[in-house]
Amino acid sequence: MALYYLETSALVKLYVREPGTDRLLGLTRPELNHRFALLAIAPVEFRSAIRRRQRAGDIEKSVAAEIINRFTQHIETKLIQQALSETVLDTASRLIDRYPLRAYDAVQLAGCLALKAVSGKEDPIFVCSDRPLVEAAESERLPSLDPTTPQ
């Protein structure tokens, strides 16, 4: 059993087939008893990613709505939400000073670091498909997983 922190680039792979989807779906098998966390802003980023694909013509409007509805149900029943706090925002600002990160990427990483601070013995595994963000997480001594890389 492990605790996985899903950054939005990885989270979307659970709902839209793309490279890394099969690997992530394998982690969600019930018999593994893994837990999955995300930052409170992830639903906004997730909806943006799905609607962006819809507008580009990659996903039909009805399919996008179904994906968003399914995700909303999972937030309530299967996902742990890490709060967005002043501490997370302060940490994100410091991360931007240390690494070439976009603002929301730094906030995502800071959220995982906040979860690590309260999770006790079990370090969350930062799951992300953005290489610079994974490298920053590893520099912060977070175990990480890029589902698009070979096992």
Protein backbone atom coordinates (compact mmCIF):
# COMPACT_ATOMS: atom_id res chain seq x y z
CA MET A 1 0.00 0.00 0.00
CA ALA A 2 1.34 3.41 -0.97
CA LEU A 3 0.23 7.03 -0.98
CA TYR A 4 0.33 8.65 -4.43
CA TYR A 5 0.02 12.39 -4.94
CA LEU A 6 -1.43 13.01 -8.41
CA GLU A 7 -0.32 16.19 -10.11
CA THR A 8 -2.82 17.17 -12.81
CA SER A 9 -0.74 15.95 -15.78
CA ALA A 10 -0.94 12.46 -14.26
CA LEU A 11 -4.48 12.78 -12.94
CA VAL A 12 -5.89 13.39 -16.43
CA LYS A 13 -4.36 10.08 -17.59
CA LEU A 14 -6.80 8.22 -15.35
CA TYR A 15 -9.70 9.61 -17.41
CA VAL A 16 -8.29 10.23 -20.90
CA ARG A 17 -6.24 7.60 -22.71
CA GLU A 18 -2.73 8.89 -23.37
CA PRO A 19 0.80 7.64 -22.76
CA GLY A 20 1.06 6.50 -19.14
CA THR A 21 -2.66 5.69 -18.72
CA ASP A 22 -2.19 1.92 -18.45
CA ARG A 23 0.54 2.27 -15.84
CA LEU A 24 -1.61 4.57 -13.68
CA LEU A 25 -4.71 2.40 -14.06
CA GLY A 26 -2.63 -0.53 -12.82
CA LEU A 27 -1.93 1.38 -9.60
CA THR A 28 -5.65 1.87 -8.97
CA ARG A 29 -6.45 -1.86 -8.74
CA PRO A 30 -8.50 -2.25 -5.52
CA GLU A 31 -6.47 -5.18 -4.20
CA LEU A 32 -3.38 -2.94 -3.98
CA ASN A 33 -5.10 -0.63 -1.45
CA HIS A 34 -3.17 2.40 -2.67
CA ARG A 35 -4.40 5.82 -1.64
CA PHE A 36 -4.46 8.82 -3.96
CA ALA A 37 -4.21 12.48 -3.03
CA LEU A 38 -4.49 15.67 -5.01
CA LEU A 39 -4.28 19.37 -4.28
CA ALA A 40 -7.51 21.33 -3.84
CA ILE A 41 -6.82 23.26 -7.07
CA ALA A 42 -6.52 20.07 -9.12
CA PRO A 43 -10.25 19.96 -9.97
CA VAL A 44 -9.95 23.37 -11.64
CA GLU A 45 -6.86 22.32 -13.59
CA PHE A 46 -8.50 18.99 -14.47
CA ARG A 47 -11.66 20.67 -15.81
CA SER A 48 -9.50 23.09 -17.80
CA ALA A 49 -7.55 20.21 -19.37
CA ILE A 50 -10.73 18.33 -20.31
CA ARG A 51 -12.47 21.41 -21.72
CA ARG A 52 -9.32 22.34 -23.65
CA ARG A 53 -9.40 18.89 -25.31
CA GLN A 54 -13.11 19.34 -26.02
CA ARG A 55 -12.55 22.73 -27.66
CA ALA A 56 -9.72 21.27 -29.75
CA GLY A 57 -12.11 18.61 -31.03
CA ASP A 58 -10.29 15.70 -29.35
CA ILE A 59 -13.25 14.89 -27.06
CA GLU A 60 -16.96 15.25 -27.76
CA LYS A 61 -18.87 17.62 -25.47
CA SER A 62 -20.95 14.79 -23.98
CA VAL A 63 -17.83 12.72 -23.30
CA ALA A 64 -16.15 15.69 -21.62
CA ALA A 65 -19.20 16.16 -19.39
CA GLU A 66 -19.18 12.46 -18.47
CA ILE A 67 -15.46 12.57 -17.62
CA ILE A 68 -15.96 15.62 -15.41
CA ASN A 69 -18.94 14.00 -13.68
CA ARG A 70 -17.03 10.77 -13.02
CA PHE A 71 -14.07 12.72 -11.68
CA THR A 72 -16.36 14.75 -9.39
CA GLN A 73 -17.75 11.50 -7.96
CA HIS A 74 -14.24 10.18 -7.38
CA ILE A 75 -13.23 13.34 -5.51
CA GLU A 76 -15.98 12.64 -3.01
CA THR A 77 -15.33 8.90 -2.64
CA LYS A 78 -11.84 7.88 -3.70
CA LEU A 79 -9.45 10.81 -3.49
CA ILE A 80 -7.82 12.64 -0.59
CA GLN A 81 -7.73 16.41 -1.06
CA GLN A 82 -4.71 18.33 0.21
CA ALA A 83 -5.80 21.81 1.27
CA LEU A 84 -4.43 24.91 -0.38
CA SER A 85 -3.01 26.98 2.48
CA GLU A 86 -0.76 29.95 3.11
CA THR A 87 2.02 27.48 3.91
CA VAL A 88 1.57 25.79 0.52
CA LEU A 89 1.65 29.17 -1.25
CA ASP A 90 4.73 30.32 0.68
CA THR A 91 6.50 27.06 -0.14
CA ALA A 92 5.52 27.45 -3.81
CA SER A 93 7.12 30.90 -3.89
CA ARG A 94 10.36 29.49 -2.51
CA LEU A 95 10.27 26.63 -5.03
CA ILE A 96 9.98 29.15 -7.87
CA ASP A 97 13.16 30.81 -6.58
CA ARG A 98 14.99 27.46 -6.70
CA TYR A 99 13.61 25.82 -9.84
CA PRO A 100 12.36 26.94 -13.29
CA LEU A 101 8.73 26.11 -12.52
CA ARG A 102 5.47 27.62 -13.67
CA ALA A 103 3.31 29.02 -10.87
CA TYR A 104 0.73 26.22 -10.67
CA ASP A 105 3.46 23.59 -10.98
CA ALA A 106 5.21 25.07 -7.96
CA VAL A 107 1.91 25.12 -6.07
CA GLN A 108 1.34 21.45 -6.93
CA LEU A 109 4.80 20.47 -5.71
CA ALA A 110 4.35 22.54 -2.56
CA GLY A 111 1.08 20.71 -1.92
CA CYS A 112 2.85 17.38 -2.05
CA LEU A 113 5.56 18.65 0.29
CA ALA A 114 2.84 19.78 2.72
CA LEU A 115 1.27 16.32 2.55
CA LYS A 116 4.67 14.77 3.23
CA ALA A 117 5.03 16.94 6.34
CA VAL A 118 1.83 15.51 7.84
CA SER A 119 1.86 11.96 6.47
CA GLY A 120 4.14 10.51 9.12
CA LYS A 121 6.37 7.65 8.08
CA GLU A 122 4.86 7.28 4.63
CA ASP A 123 6.22 9.71 2.04
CA PRO A 124 3.75 10.43 -0.75
CA ILE A 125 4.95 9.48 -4.22
CA PHE A 126 4.74 12.50 -6.52
CA VAL A 127 3.14 11.36 -9.79
CA CYS A 128 3.69 13.71 -12.69
CA SER A 129 4.40 13.66 -16.43
CA ASP A 130 6.22 17.00 -16.58
CA ARG A 131 9.98 16.33 -16.56
CA PRO A 132 11.16 19.65 -15.00
CA LEU A 133 8.55 19.26 -12.26
CA VAL A 134 9.59 15.65 -11.58
CA GLU A 135 13.23 16.77 -11.37
CA ALA A 136 12.31 19.50 -8.87
CA ALA A 137 10.37 16.94 -6.80
CA GLU A 138 13.35 14.62 -6.79
CA SER A 139 15.61 17.50 -5.75
CA GLU A 140 13.22 18.03 -2.83
CA ARG A 141 13.74 14.36 -1.90
CA LEU A 142 10.26 13.26 -2.85
CA PRO A 143 9.87 9.82 -4.35
CA SER A 144 8.43 10.37 -7.81
CA LEU A 145 6.87 8.51 -10.68
CA ASP A 146 6.50 9.63 -14.28
CA PRO A 147 3.95 7.18 -15.68
CA THR A 148 5.19 7.81 -19.23
CA THR A 149 8.67 6.45 -18.55
CA PRO A 150 9.39 2.73 -18.93
CA GLN A 151 9.23 0.70 -15.74
